[in-house]
Amino acid sequence: MKRSFVNSIVLAFILLFPIKQLNSWVFFGHIRINKMAVFTLPPEMIGFYKRYVDYVSENAVNPDKRRYASKGEAPRHYIDIDHYGNDTLDPFEAVPMRWQDAIAKYTEDTLQAYGIVPWHINSMMYWLTDAFKKQNVERIIYLSADLGHYIGDAHVPLHTTKNYNGQLTGQRGIHGFWESRIPELTADEYDYFVGRAAYIKSPLEDAWNTVKVSHVAVDSMLNFERILNDKFPSDQKYTYENRGASIMKQYSLDYTMAYNEMLDGMVERRMRKAVISVGSMWYTAWVNAGEPDLNKLLLSPKELVLLEKEAKELEEQFEGNAIKGREHDH
């Protein structure tokens, strides 16, 4: 009964505060993950985060917008861990966990070239902890939104491989298929009762564990799509849908649901794990900062307007970039 009651509350929250439609459907998952992560927080934190839930959730997509305008942003979203391994060498044994050790072995240029998401998550945890210590509300909610995005990315299998969009196996487009199309059609049915946020002893180790679990799933998600493609009627694989003023080619409902069934709930499991991971990282940063009283912190209307202005400027900059038709990357 408790599980059903909590799920009813979460569903009601989703219906009362619908997710804003944005430029790309890939944004959907990030917004949902951050929003649901708020419900994992303890009483000492949940009131604060619910106060700013619109900002923390809607601005979860900002890192994706910045990647087309900010040099150095893209590598923060992924790690091509298979670049470092081979038939006899486990890449997770090859790459040192600590940033300085990894630089000493591979150089920073190499690490940046093949992605730095676990290290960037760890850096953001340091910054968020510092913001809690200084009780800087603007920084807390800004960094919380961004941190949730990178954690969400680390939970996506194709953010951990050189074959990030199936381009190496003749499956171009599978990135958005797994990360966007499936959640778009199924996420309202997911079980968001993921439990209470827990303290993470080592955020860096936890980030690496997330990448490792995600990477294990790469082969199966590629193989399942290949099998489905071979047996599914080719004229029923895609459909065309109106998206605002545009007509877009999409994987059909039948093809999407068949793939989701073959994955046996993989997308939901990774999204659920991302939700609890985001909440736990927020909670850990707060604990490490000495558990400041968040109920005493409140942005003035003017301060909140300035934050929203920055988000709007980023949105306009993103819309102004000529990225239409660009292949979905990491």
C-alpha atoms as a PDB file:
ATOM      1  CA  MET A   1       0.000   0.000   0.000  1.00  0.00           C
ATOM      2  CA  LYS A   2       2.861   2.357   0.828  1.00  0.00           C
ATOM      3  CA  ARG A   3       4.444   1.748  -2.581  1.00  0.00           C
ATOM      4  CA  SER A   4       1.130   2.376  -4.356  1.00  0.00           C
ATOM      5  CA  PHE A   5       0.510   5.532  -2.346  1.00  0.00           C
ATOM      6  CA  VAL A   6       3.934   6.999  -3.118  1.00  0.00           C
ATOM      7  CA  ASN A   7       3.613   6.143  -6.794  1.00  0.00           C
ATOM      8  CA  SER A   8       0.230   7.881  -6.860  1.00  0.00           C
ATOM      9  CA  ILE A   9       1.793  11.023  -5.384  1.00  0.00           C
ATOM     10  CA  VAL A  10       4.612  10.974  -7.948  1.00  0.00           C
ATOM     11  CA  LEU A  11       2.163  10.448 -10.824  1.00  0.00           C
ATOM     12  CA  ALA A  12      -0.008  13.287  -9.553  1.00  0.00           C
ATOM     13  CA  PHE A  13       3.056  15.513  -9.430  1.00  0.00           C
ATOM     14  CA  ILE A  14       3.878  14.672 -13.048  1.00  0.00           C
ATOM     15  CA  LEU A  15       0.339  15.475 -14.151  1.00  0.00           C
ATOM     16  CA  LEU A  16       0.121  18.696 -12.161  1.00  0.00           C
ATOM     17  CA  PHE A  17       3.509  19.931 -13.321  1.00  0.00           C
ATOM     18  CA  PRO A  18       3.889  18.699 -16.899  1.00  0.00           C
ATOM     19  CA  ILE A  19       7.337  18.664 -18.438  1.00  0.00           C
ATOM     20  CA  LYS A  20       7.987  21.537 -20.781  1.00  0.00           C
ATOM     21  CA  GLN A  21       8.364  20.550 -24.436  1.00  0.00           C
ATOM     22  CA  LEU A  22      11.802  21.614 -25.655  1.00  0.00           C
ATOM     23  CA  ASN A  23      13.748  21.642 -28.900  1.00  0.00           C
ATOM     24  CA  SER A  24      14.892  18.046 -28.791  1.00  0.00           C
ATOM     25  CA  TRP A  25      13.125  14.985 -27.464  1.00  0.00           C
ATOM     26  CA  VAL A  26      16.431  13.833 -26.021  1.00  0.00           C
ATOM     27  CA  PHE A  27      15.833  16.432 -23.294  1.00  0.00           C
ATOM     28  CA  PHE A  28      12.859  14.516 -21.934  1.00  0.00           C
ATOM     29  CA  GLY A  29      14.831  11.999 -19.890  1.00  0.00           C
ATOM     30  CA  HIS A  30      17.079  14.529 -18.202  1.00  0.00           C
ATOM     31  CA  ILE A  31      14.159  16.648 -17.050  1.00  0.00           C
ATOM     32  CA  ARG A  32      12.282  13.633 -15.708  1.00  0.00           C
ATOM     33  CA  ILE A  33      15.347  12.266 -13.866  1.00  0.00           C
ATOM     34  CA  ASN A  34      16.070  15.515 -12.019  1.00  0.00           C
ATOM     35  CA  LYS A  35      12.415  16.050 -11.169  1.00  0.00           C
ATOM     36  CA  MET A  36      11.990  12.564  -9.727  1.00  0.00           C
ATOM     37  CA  ALA A  37      15.302  12.773  -7.840  1.00  0.00           C
ATOM     38  CA  VAL A  38      13.742  15.439  -5.614  1.00  0.00           C
ATOM     39  CA  PHE A  39      11.432  12.781  -4.143  1.00  0.00           C
ATOM     40  CA  THR A  40      14.398  10.730  -2.936  1.00  0.00           C
ATOM     41  CA  LEU A  41      15.645  13.458  -0.599  1.00  0.00           C
ATOM     42  CA  PRO A  42      15.259  13.488   3.203  1.00  0.00           C
ATOM     43  CA  PRO A  43      12.899  15.948   4.959  1.00  0.00           C
ATOM     44  CA  GLU A  44      15.783  18.342   5.649  1.00  0.00           C
ATOM     45  CA  MET A  45      16.340  18.790   1.903  1.00  0.00           C
ATOM     46  CA  ILE A  46      13.111  18.060   0.053  1.00  0.00           C
ATOM     47  CA  GLY A  47      11.388  21.324   0.975  1.00  0.00           C
ATOM     48  CA  PHE A  48      14.261  23.341  -0.492  1.00  0.00           C
ATOM     49  CA  TYR A  49      14.451  21.307  -3.682  1.00  0.00           C
ATOM     50  CA  LYS A  50      10.684  21.312  -4.208  1.00  0.00           C
ATOM     51  CA  ARG A  51      10.801  25.099  -3.943  1.00  0.00           C
ATOM     52  CA  TYR A  52      13.181  25.165  -6.921  1.00  0.00           C
ATOM     53  CA  VAL A  53      12.042  21.986  -8.669  1.00  0.00           C
ATOM     54  CA  ASP A  54      11.058  23.814 -11.861  1.00  0.00           C
ATOM     55  CA  TYR A  55      14.529  25.327 -12.213  1.00  0.00           C
ATOM     56  CA  VAL A  56      16.424  22.162 -11.263  1.00  0.00           C
ATOM     57  CA  SER A  57      14.412  20.000 -13.665  1.00  0.00           C
ATOM     58  CA  GLU A  58      13.903  22.265 -16.670  1.00  0.00           C
ATOM     59  CA  ASN A  59      17.536  23.402 -16.613  1.00  0.00           C
ATOM     60  CA  ALA A  60      18.799  19.831 -16.483  1.00  0.00           C
ATOM     61  CA  VAL A  61      19.162  20.182 -20.261  1.00  0.00           C
ATOM     62  CA  ASN A  62      21.522  23.168 -20.146  1.00  0.00           C
ATOM     63  CA  PRO A  63      24.740  21.145 -20.560  1.00  0.00           C
ATOM     64  CA  ASP A  64      23.416  19.761 -23.853  1.00  0.00           C
ATOM     65  CA  LYS A  65      22.708  23.283 -25.029  1.00  0.00           C
ATOM     66  CA  ARG A  66      26.167  24.503 -24.004  1.00  0.00           C
ATOM     67  CA  ARG A  67      27.980  21.733 -25.869  1.00  0.00           C
ATOM     68  CA  TYR A  68      27.369  23.486 -29.190  1.00  0.00           C
ATOM     69  CA  ALA A  69      28.604  26.838 -27.944  1.00  0.00           C
ATOM     70  CA  SER A  70      31.166  26.123 -25.240  1.00  0.00           C
ATOM     71  CA  LYS A  71      34.560  24.671 -26.076  1.00  0.00           C
ATOM     72  CA  GLY A  72      35.419  21.773 -23.827  1.00  0.00           C
ATOM     73  CA  GLU A  73      31.805  20.967 -22.916  1.00  0.00           C
ATOM     74  CA  ALA A  74      31.252  17.892 -25.095  1.00  0.00           C
ATOM     75  CA  PRO A  75      33.785  15.517 -23.405  1.00  0.00           C
ATOM     76  CA  ARG A  76      32.018  15.990 -20.067  1.00  0.00           C
ATOM     77  CA  HIS A  77      29.051  13.942 -21.300  1.00  0.00           C
ATOM     78  CA  TYR A  78      30.711  10.618 -22.124  1.00  0.00           C
ATOM     79  CA  ILE A  79      33.762   8.380 -21.980  1.00  0.00           C
ATOM     80  CA  ASP A  80      34.778   6.085 -24.833  1.00  0.00           C
ATOM     81  CA  ILE A  81      36.131   3.549 -22.392  1.00  0.00           C
ATOM     82  CA  ASP A  82      36.601   0.897 -25.088  1.00  0.00           C
ATOM     83  CA  HIS A  83      39.307   3.077 -26.653  1.00  0.00           C
ATOM     84  CA  TYR A  84      41.610   2.006 -23.837  1.00  0.00           C
ATOM     85  CA  GLY A  85      41.019  -1.751 -23.962  1.00  0.00           C
ATOM     86  CA  ASN A  86      41.524  -4.670 -26.310  1.00  0.00           C
ATOM     87  CA  ASP A  87      40.907  -8.421 -26.448  1.00  0.00           C
ATOM     88  CA  THR A  88      43.318  -9.046 -23.584  1.00  0.00           C
ATOM     89  CA  LEU A  89      43.073  -5.823 -21.580  1.00  0.00           C
ATOM     90  CA  ASP A  90      40.015  -4.719 -19.590  1.00  0.00           C
ATOM     91  CA  PRO A  91      39.688  -0.967 -20.183  1.00  0.00           C
ATOM     92  CA  PHE A  92      38.512  -0.446 -16.617  1.00  0.00           C
ATOM     93  CA  GLU A  93      41.776  -1.933 -15.437  1.00  0.00           C
ATOM     94  CA  ALA A  94      43.770   0.068 -17.966  1.00  0.00           C
ATOM     95  CA  VAL A  95      42.432   3.501 -17.036  1.00  0.00           C
ATOM     96  CA  PRO A  96      43.395   4.799 -13.571  1.00  0.00           C
ATOM     97  CA  MET A  97      40.440   5.978 -11.512  1.00  0.00           C
ATOM     98  CA  ARG A  98      42.118   9.159 -10.270  1.00  0.00           C
ATOM     99  CA  TRP A  99      42.380  12.057 -12.714  1.00  0.00           C
ATOM    100  CA  GLN A 100      46.035  12.886 -12.078  1.00  0.00           C
ATOM    101  CA  ASP A 101      47.051   9.244 -12.432  1.00  0.00           C
ATOM    102  CA  ALA A 102      45.125   9.016 -15.700  1.00  0.00           C
ATOM    103  CA  ILE A 103      46.815  12.172 -17.023  1.00  0.00           C
ATOM    104  CA  ALA A 104      50.220  10.768 -16.114  1.00  0.00           C
ATOM    105  CA  LYS A 105      49.460   7.613 -18.108  1.00  0.00           C
ATOM    106  CA  TYR A 106      47.579   8.974 -21.132  1.00  0.00           C
ATOM    107  CA  THR A 107      47.977  12.820 -21.158  1.00  0.00           C
ATOM    108  CA  GLU A 108      45.102  15.225 -20.652  1.00  0.00           C
ATOM    109  CA  ASP A 109      44.633  15.731 -24.398  1.00  0.00           C
ATOM    110  CA  THR A 110      43.904  12.023 -24.834  1.00  0.00           C
ATOM    111  CA  LEU A 111      41.462  11.948 -21.941  1.00  0.00           C
ATOM    112  CA  GLN A 112      39.618  14.981 -23.282  1.00  0.00           C
ATOM    113  CA  ALA A 113      39.488  13.433 -26.744  1.00  0.00           C
ATOM    114  CA  TYR A 114      37.733  10.295 -25.481  1.00  0.00           C
ATOM    115  CA  GLY A 115      35.552  11.768 -22.746  1.00  0.00           C
ATOM    116  CA  ILE A 116      35.795  12.578 -19.039  1.00  0.00           C
ATOM    117  CA  VAL A 117      32.307  12.064 -17.589  1.00  0.00           C
ATOM    118  CA  PRO A 118      33.260  10.165 -14.375  1.00  0.00           C
ATOM    119  CA  TRP A 119      35.932  12.694 -13.485  1.00  0.00           C
ATOM    120  CA  HIS A 120      33.654  15.616 -14.276  1.00  0.00           C
ATOM    121  CA  ILE A 121      30.937  14.218 -12.011  1.00  0.00           C
ATOM    122  CA  ASN A 122      33.495  14.071  -9.220  1.00  0.00           C
ATOM    123  CA  SER A 123      34.574  17.670  -9.865  1.00  0.00           C
ATOM    124  CA  MET A 124      30.973  18.845  -9.801  1.00  0.00           C
ATOM    125  CA  MET A 125      30.470  17.113  -6.466  1.00  0.00           C
ATOM    126  CA  TYR A 126      33.324  19.176  -5.062  1.00  0.00           C
ATOM    127  CA  TRP A 127      31.783  22.388  -6.418  1.00  0.00           C
ATOM    128  CA  LEU A 128      28.298  21.534  -5.150  1.00  0.00           C
ATOM    129  CA  THR A 129      29.647  20.687  -1.691  1.00  0.00           C
ATOM    130  CA  ASP A 130      31.403  24.055  -1.615  1.00  0.00           C
ATOM    131  CA  ALA A 131      28.178  25.818  -2.641  1.00  0.00           C
ATOM    132  CA  PHE A 132      26.332  24.124   0.233  1.00  0.00           C
ATOM    133  CA  LYS A 133      29.085  25.177   2.647  1.00  0.00           C
ATOM    134  CA  LYS A 134      28.808  28.780   1.503  1.00  0.00           C
ATOM    135  CA  GLN A 135      24.986  28.528   1.456  1.00  0.00           C
ATOM    136  CA  ASN A 136      25.028  30.022  -2.021  1.00  0.00           C
ATOM    137  CA  VAL A 137      21.534  29.217  -3.249  1.00  0.00           C
ATOM    138  CA  GLU A 138      22.139  30.270  -6.853  1.00  0.00           C
ATOM    139  CA  ARG A 139      25.147  27.962  -7.095  1.00  0.00           C
ATOM    140  CA  ILE A 140      23.365  25.111  -5.315  1.00  0.00           C
ATOM    141  CA  ILE A 141      20.450  24.937  -7.699  1.00  0.00           C
ATOM    142  CA  TYR A 142      22.555  25.703 -10.781  1.00  0.00           C
ATOM    143  CA  LEU A 143      25.086  22.977  -9.985  1.00  0.00           C
ATOM    144  CA  SER A 144      22.388  20.534  -8.893  1.00  0.00           C
ATOM    145  CA  ALA A 145      20.696  20.868 -12.280  1.00  0.00           C
ATOM    146  CA  ASP A 146      23.957  20.388 -14.177  1.00  0.00           C
ATOM    147  CA  LEU A 147      25.192  17.515 -12.010  1.00  0.00           C
ATOM    148  CA  GLY A 148      21.959  15.623 -12.612  1.00  0.00           C
ATOM    149  CA  HIS A 149      22.541  15.883 -16.353  1.00  0.00           C
ATOM    150  CA  TYR A 150      26.021  14.370 -16.310  1.00  0.00           C
ATOM    151  CA  ILE A 151      24.927  11.588 -13.957  1.00  0.00           C
ATOM    152  CA  GLY A 152      22.043  10.838 -16.309  1.00  0.00           C
ATOM    153  CA  ASP A 153      24.441  10.659 -19.258  1.00  0.00           C
ATOM    154  CA  ALA A 154      26.697   8.212 -17.414  1.00  0.00           C
ATOM    155  CA  HIS A 155      23.724   5.844 -17.097  1.00  0.00           C
ATOM    156  CA  VAL A 156      23.285   5.623 -20.888  1.00  0.00           C
ATOM    157  CA  PRO A 157      25.236   2.681 -22.374  1.00  0.00           C
ATOM    158  CA  LEU A 158      26.097   4.466 -25.620  1.00  0.00           C
ATOM    159  CA  HIS A 159      27.791   7.250 -23.644  1.00  0.00           C
ATOM    160  CA  THR A 160      30.524   4.735 -22.821  1.00  0.00           C
ATOM    161  CA  THR A 161      31.632   3.573 -26.272  1.00  0.00           C
ATOM    162  CA  LYS A 162      33.247   4.762 -29.491  1.00  0.00           C
ATOM    163  CA  ASN A 163      30.231   3.279 -31.289  1.00  0.00           C
ATOM    164  CA  TYR A 164      28.078   5.929 -29.663  1.00  0.00           C
ATOM    165  CA  ASN A 165      25.463   6.101 -32.410  1.00  0.00           C
ATOM    166  CA  GLY A 166      25.773   2.670 -33.981  1.00  0.00           C
ATOM    167  CA  GLN A 167      27.852   4.216 -36.762  1.00  0.00           C
ATOM    168  CA  LEU A 168      30.441   1.436 -36.546  1.00  0.00           C
ATOM    169  CA  THR A 169      27.890  -1.374 -36.820  1.00  0.00           C
ATOM    170  CA  GLY A 170      25.472  -0.008 -39.414  1.00  0.00           C
ATOM    171  CA  GLN A 171      22.932   1.025 -36.744  1.00  0.00           C
ATOM    172  CA  ARG A 172      23.130   4.772 -37.067  1.00  0.00           C
ATOM    173  CA  GLY A 173      20.411   6.456 -35.018  1.00  0.00           C
ATOM    174  CA  ILE A 174      20.271   3.917 -32.202  1.00  0.00           C
ATOM    175  CA  HIS A 175      21.513   6.465 -29.661  1.00  0.00           C
ATOM    176  CA  GLY A 176      18.424   8.624 -29.887  1.00  0.00           C
ATOM    177  CA  PHE A 177      16.266   5.519 -30.283  1.00  0.00           C
ATOM    178  CA  TRP A 178      17.337   4.116 -26.910  1.00  0.00           C
ATOM    179  CA  GLU A 179      17.792   7.391 -25.033  1.00  0.00           C
ATOM    180  CA  SER A 180      14.873   9.404 -26.388  1.00  0.00           C
ATOM    181  CA  ARG A 181      12.261   7.511 -28.380  1.00  0.00           C
ATOM    182  CA  ILE A 182      11.713   4.711 -25.884  1.00  0.00           C
ATOM    183  CA  PRO A 183      11.346   7.015 -22.827  1.00  0.00           C
ATOM    184  CA  GLU A 184       9.117   9.343 -24.833  1.00  0.00           C
ATOM    185  CA  LEU A 185       6.632   6.499 -25.372  1.00  0.00           C
ATOM    186  CA  THR A 186       7.024   4.554 -22.135  1.00  0.00           C
ATOM    187  CA  ALA A 187       8.333   6.744 -19.300  1.00  0.00           C
ATOM    188  CA  ASP A 188       4.895   7.632 -17.920  1.00  0.00           C
ATOM    189  CA  GLU A 189       4.500   3.945 -17.066  1.00  0.00           C
ATOM    190  CA  TYR A 190       7.803   3.660 -15.188  1.00  0.00           C
ATOM    191  CA  ASP A 191       7.927   2.958 -11.476  1.00  0.00           C
ATOM    192  CA  TYR A 192       9.589   5.971  -9.872  1.00  0.00           C
ATOM    193  CA  PHE A 193       9.486   4.590  -6.353  1.00  0.00           C
ATOM    194  CA  VAL A 194      13.259   4.200  -6.077  1.00  0.00           C
ATOM    195  CA  GLY A 195      13.695   4.646  -2.335  1.00  0.00           C
ATOM    196  CA  ARG A 196      15.572   7.178  -0.238  1.00  0.00           C
ATOM    197  CA  ALA A 197      18.801   8.880  -1.271  1.00  0.00           C
ATOM    198  CA  ALA A 198      21.823   7.314   0.417  1.00  0.00           C
ATOM    199  CA  TYR A 199      25.241   8.639   1.366  1.00  0.00           C
ATOM    200  CA  ILE A 200      27.953   7.823  -1.180  1.00  0.00           C
ATOM    201  CA  LYS A 201      31.338   7.239   0.423  1.00  0.00           C
ATOM    202  CA  SER A 202      33.301   7.818  -2.787  1.00  0.00           C
ATOM    203  CA  PRO A 203      31.514   9.790  -5.539  1.00  0.00           C
ATOM    204  CA  LEU A 204      34.398   9.128  -7.925  1.00  0.00           C
ATOM    205  CA  GLU A 205      34.217   5.370  -7.418  1.00  0.00           C
ATOM    206  CA  ASP A 206      30.442   5.482  -7.708  1.00  0.00           C
ATOM    207  CA  ALA A 207      30.673   7.381 -11.012  1.00  0.00           C
ATOM    208  CA  TRP A 208      33.087   4.788 -12.368  1.00  0.00           C
ATOM    209  CA  ASN A 209      30.804   1.959 -11.251  1.00  0.00           C
ATOM    210  CA  THR A 210      27.943   3.643 -13.108  1.00  0.00           C
ATOM    211  CA  VAL A 211      30.014   3.815 -16.297  1.00  0.00           C
ATOM    212  CA  LYS A 212      31.006   0.168 -15.908  1.00  0.00           C
ATOM    213  CA  VAL A 213      27.408  -1.052 -15.519  1.00  0.00           C
ATOM    214  CA  SER A 214      26.338   1.071 -18.486  1.00  0.00           C
ATOM    215  CA  HIS A 215      29.143  -0.287 -20.651  1.00  0.00           C
ATOM    216  CA  VAL A 216      28.227  -3.894 -19.893  1.00  0.00           C
ATOM    217  CA  ALA A 217      24.864  -3.266 -21.577  1.00  0.00           C
ATOM    218  CA  VAL A 218      26.305  -1.970 -24.860  1.00  0.00           C
ATOM    219  CA  ASP A 219      26.651  -5.323 -26.627  1.00  0.00           C
ATOM    220  CA  SER A 220      23.168  -6.542 -25.748  1.00  0.00           C
ATOM    221  CA  MET A 221      21.391  -3.341 -26.787  1.00  0.00           C
ATOM    222  CA  LEU A 222      23.192  -3.371 -30.141  1.00  0.00           C
ATOM    223  CA  ASN A 223      22.610  -7.090 -30.713  1.00  0.00           C
ATOM    224  CA  PHE A 224      18.909  -6.896 -29.870  1.00  0.00           C
ATOM    225  CA  GLU A 225      18.346  -4.045 -32.308  1.00  0.00           C
ATOM    226  CA  ARG A 226      20.222  -5.913 -35.019  1.00  0.00           C
ATOM    227  CA  ILE A 227      18.082  -9.024 -34.498  1.00  0.00           C
ATOM    228  CA  LEU A 228      14.878  -6.979 -34.507  1.00  0.00           C
ATOM    229  CA  ASN A 229      15.896  -5.108 -37.649  1.00  0.00           C
ATOM    230  CA  ASP A 230      16.521  -8.364 -39.498  1.00  0.00           C
ATOM    231  CA  LYS A 231      13.083  -9.805 -38.786  1.00  0.00           C
ATOM    232  CA  PHE A 232      10.886  -6.681 -38.711  1.00  0.00           C
ATOM    233  CA  PRO A 233       9.095  -5.597 -41.925  1.00  0.00           C
ATOM    234  CA  SER A 234      11.268  -2.815 -43.344  1.00  0.00           C
ATOM    235  CA  ASP A 235       8.279  -0.740 -44.429  1.00  0.00           C
ATOM    236  CA  GLN A 236       6.976  -0.698 -40.844  1.00  0.00           C
ATOM    237  CA  LYS A 237      10.185   0.279 -39.059  1.00  0.00           C
ATOM    238  CA  TYR A 238       9.722   4.045 -39.372  1.00  0.00           C
ATOM    239  CA  THR A 239       6.899   6.530 -39.261  1.00  0.00           C
ATOM    240  CA  TYR A 240       6.526  10.250 -39.852  1.00  0.00           C
ATOM    241  CA  GLU A 241       5.232  12.511 -37.091  1.00  0.00           C
ATOM    242  CA  ASN A 242       4.364  16.182 -36.804  1.00  0.00           C
ATOM    243  CA  ARG A 243       6.684  17.946 -34.380  1.00  0.00           C
ATOM    244  CA  GLY A 244       5.640  21.559 -34.215  1.00  0.00           C
ATOM    245  CA  ALA A 245       6.143  23.012 -37.662  1.00  0.00           C
ATOM    246  CA  SER A 246       8.215  20.051 -38.835  1.00  0.00           C
ATOM    247  CA  ILE A 247       7.538  16.506 -39.980  1.00  0.00           C
ATOM    248  CA  MET A 248      10.113  14.137 -38.548  1.00  0.00           C
ATOM    249  CA  LYS A 249      11.050  10.569 -39.387  1.00  0.00           C
ATOM    250  CA  GLN A 250      10.815   8.417 -36.257  1.00  0.00           C
ATOM    251  CA  TYR A 251      11.015   4.776 -35.282  1.00  0.00           C
ATOM    252  CA  SER A 252       7.459   3.448 -35.404  1.00  0.00           C
ATOM    253  CA  LEU A 253       5.466   2.661 -32.296  1.00  0.00           C
ATOM    254  CA  ASP A 254       5.479  -1.076 -33.065  1.00  0.00           C
ATOM    255  CA  TYR A 255       9.231  -1.166 -33.681  1.00  0.00           C
ATOM    256  CA  THR A 256       9.925   0.848 -30.535  1.00  0.00           C
ATOM    257  CA  MET A 257       7.743  -1.302 -28.318  1.00  0.00           C
ATOM    258  CA  ALA A 258       9.196  -4.505 -29.768  1.00  0.00           C
ATOM    259  CA  TYR A 259      12.729  -3.263 -29.049  1.00  0.00           C
ATOM    260  CA  ASN A 260      11.755  -2.185 -25.545  1.00  0.00           C
ATOM    261  CA  GLU A 261      10.350  -5.661 -24.895  1.00  0.00           C
ATOM    262  CA  MET A 262      13.566  -7.277 -26.067  1.00  0.00           C
ATOM    263  CA  LEU A 263      15.538  -4.989 -23.741  1.00  0.00           C
ATOM    264  CA  ASP A 264      13.350  -6.305 -20.903  1.00  0.00           C
ATOM    265  CA  GLY A 265      13.026  -2.937 -19.169  1.00  0.00           C
ATOM    266  CA  MET A 266      16.660  -1.855 -19.558  1.00  0.00           C
ATOM    267  CA  VAL A 267      15.771   1.783 -20.249  1.00  0.00           C
ATOM    268  CA  GLU A 268      13.513   1.961 -17.210  1.00  0.00           C
ATOM    269  CA  ARG A 269      16.160   0.330 -15.007  1.00  0.00           C
ATOM    270  CA  ARG A 270      18.826   2.791 -16.092  1.00  0.00           C
ATOM    271  CA  MET A 271      16.480   5.746 -15.621  1.00  0.00           C
ATOM    272  CA  ARG A 272      15.450   4.530 -12.161  1.00  0.00           C
ATOM    273  CA  LYS A 273      19.105   4.055 -11.233  1.00  0.00           C
ATOM    274  CA  ALA A 274      19.874   7.556 -12.513  1.00  0.00           C
ATOM    275  CA  VAL A 275      17.101   9.035 -10.352  1.00  0.00           C
ATOM    276  CA  ILE A 276      18.415   7.509  -7.119  1.00  0.00           C
ATOM    277  CA  SER A 277      21.995   8.306  -8.102  1.00  0.00           C
ATOM    278  CA  VAL A 278      21.220  11.989  -8.661  1.00  0.00           C
ATOM    279  CA  GLY A 279      19.368  12.259  -5.361  1.00  0.00           C
ATOM    280  CA  SER A 280      22.155  10.451  -3.528  1.00  0.00           C
ATOM    281  CA  MET A 281      24.833  12.721  -4.987  1.00  0.00           C
ATOM    282  CA  TRP A 282      22.875  15.834  -3.956  1.00  0.00           C
ATOM    283  CA  TYR A 283      22.417  14.348  -0.501  1.00  0.00           C
ATOM    284  CA  THR A 284      26.102  13.407  -0.201  1.00  0.00           C
ATOM    285  CA  ALA A 285      27.245  16.911  -1.123  1.00  0.00           C
ATOM    286  CA  TRP A 286      24.905  18.354   1.508  1.00  0.00           C
ATOM    287  CA  VAL A 287      26.157  15.952   4.208  1.00  0.00           C
ATOM    288  CA  ASN A 288      29.796  16.619   3.324  1.00  0.00           C
ATOM    289  CA  ALA A 289      29.087  20.344   3.632  1.00  0.00           C
ATOM    290  CA  GLY A 290      27.977  19.885   7.255  1.00  0.00           C
ATOM    291  CA  GLU A 291      24.223  19.579   6.615  1.00  0.00           C
ATOM    292  CA  PRO A 292      23.402  23.305   6.494  1.00  0.00           C
ATOM    293  CA  ASP A 293      19.808  24.324   7.262  1.00  0.00           C
ATOM    294  CA  LEU A 294      18.312  24.688   3.793  1.00  0.00           C
ATOM    295  CA  ASN A 295      14.968  25.871   5.112  1.00  0.00           C
ATOM    296  CA  LYS A 296      16.584  29.209   5.913  1.00  0.00           C
ATOM    297  CA  LEU A 297      17.788  29.704   2.367  1.00  0.00           C
ATOM    298  CA  LEU A 298      15.580  31.487  -0.118  1.00  0.00           C
ATOM    299  CA  LEU A 299      16.339  33.357  -3.309  1.00  0.00           C
ATOM    300  CA  SER A 300      14.866  36.785  -3.666  1.00  0.00           C
ATOM    301  CA  PRO A 301      12.516  37.263  -6.642  1.00  0.00           C
ATOM    302  CA  LYS A 302      15.217  39.394  -8.284  1.00  0.00           C
ATOM    303  CA  GLU A 303      17.861  36.677  -7.901  1.00  0.00           C
ATOM    304  CA  LEU A 304      15.544  34.043  -9.343  1.00  0.00           C
ATOM    305  CA  VAL A 305      14.727  36.298 -12.303  1.00  0.00           C
ATOM    306  CA  LEU A 306      18.444  36.670 -13.040  1.00  0.00           C
ATOM    307  CA  LEU A 307      18.926  32.903 -13.028  1.00  0.00           C
ATOM    308  CA  GLU A 308      15.962  32.424 -15.323  1.00  0.00           C
ATOM    309  CA  LYS A 309      17.316  35.173 -17.592  1.00  0.00           C
ATOM    310  CA  GLU A 310      20.608  33.295 -17.946  1.00  0.00           C
ATOM    311  CA  ALA A 311      18.711  30.120 -18.808  1.00  0.00           C
ATOM    312  CA  LYS A 312      16.659  31.993 -21.434  1.00  0.00           C
ATOM    313  CA  GLU A 313      19.799  33.464 -22.984  1.00  0.00           C
ATOM    314  CA  LEU A 314      21.305  29.982 -23.233  1.00  0.00           C
ATOM    315  CA  GLU A 315      18.095  28.720 -24.849  1.00  0.00           C
ATOM    316  CA  GLU A 316      18.214  31.507 -27.435  1.00  0.00           C
ATOM    317  CA  GLN A 317      21.879  30.815 -28.137  1.00  0.00           C
ATOM    318  CA  PHE A 318      21.121  27.129 -28.583  1.00  0.00           C
ATOM    319  CA  GLU A 319      18.256  27.852 -30.974  1.00  0.00           C
ATOM    320  CA  GLY A 320      20.486  30.168 -32.958  1.00  0.00           C
ATOM    321  CA  ASN A 321      23.117  27.552 -33.650  1.00  0.00           C
ATOM    322  CA  ALA A 322      22.934  25.801 -36.994  1.00  0.00           C
ATOM    323  CA  ILE A 323      22.694  22.281 -35.626  1.00  0.00           C
ATOM    324  CA  LYS A 324      19.616  21.046 -37.466  1.00  0.00           C
ATOM    325  CA  GLY A 325      20.419  17.859 -39.237  1.00  0.00           C
ATOM    326  CA  ARG A 326      23.573  17.333 -37.216  1.00  0.00           C
ATOM    327  CA  GLU A 327      24.062  13.685 -36.235  1.00  0.00           C
ATOM    328  CA  HIS A 328      23.210  13.016 -32.612  1.00  0.00           C
ATOM    329  CA  ASP A 329      26.536  12.606 -30.872  1.00  0.00           C
ATOM    330  CA  HIS A 330      27.556  11.634 -27.383  1.00  0.00           C
END
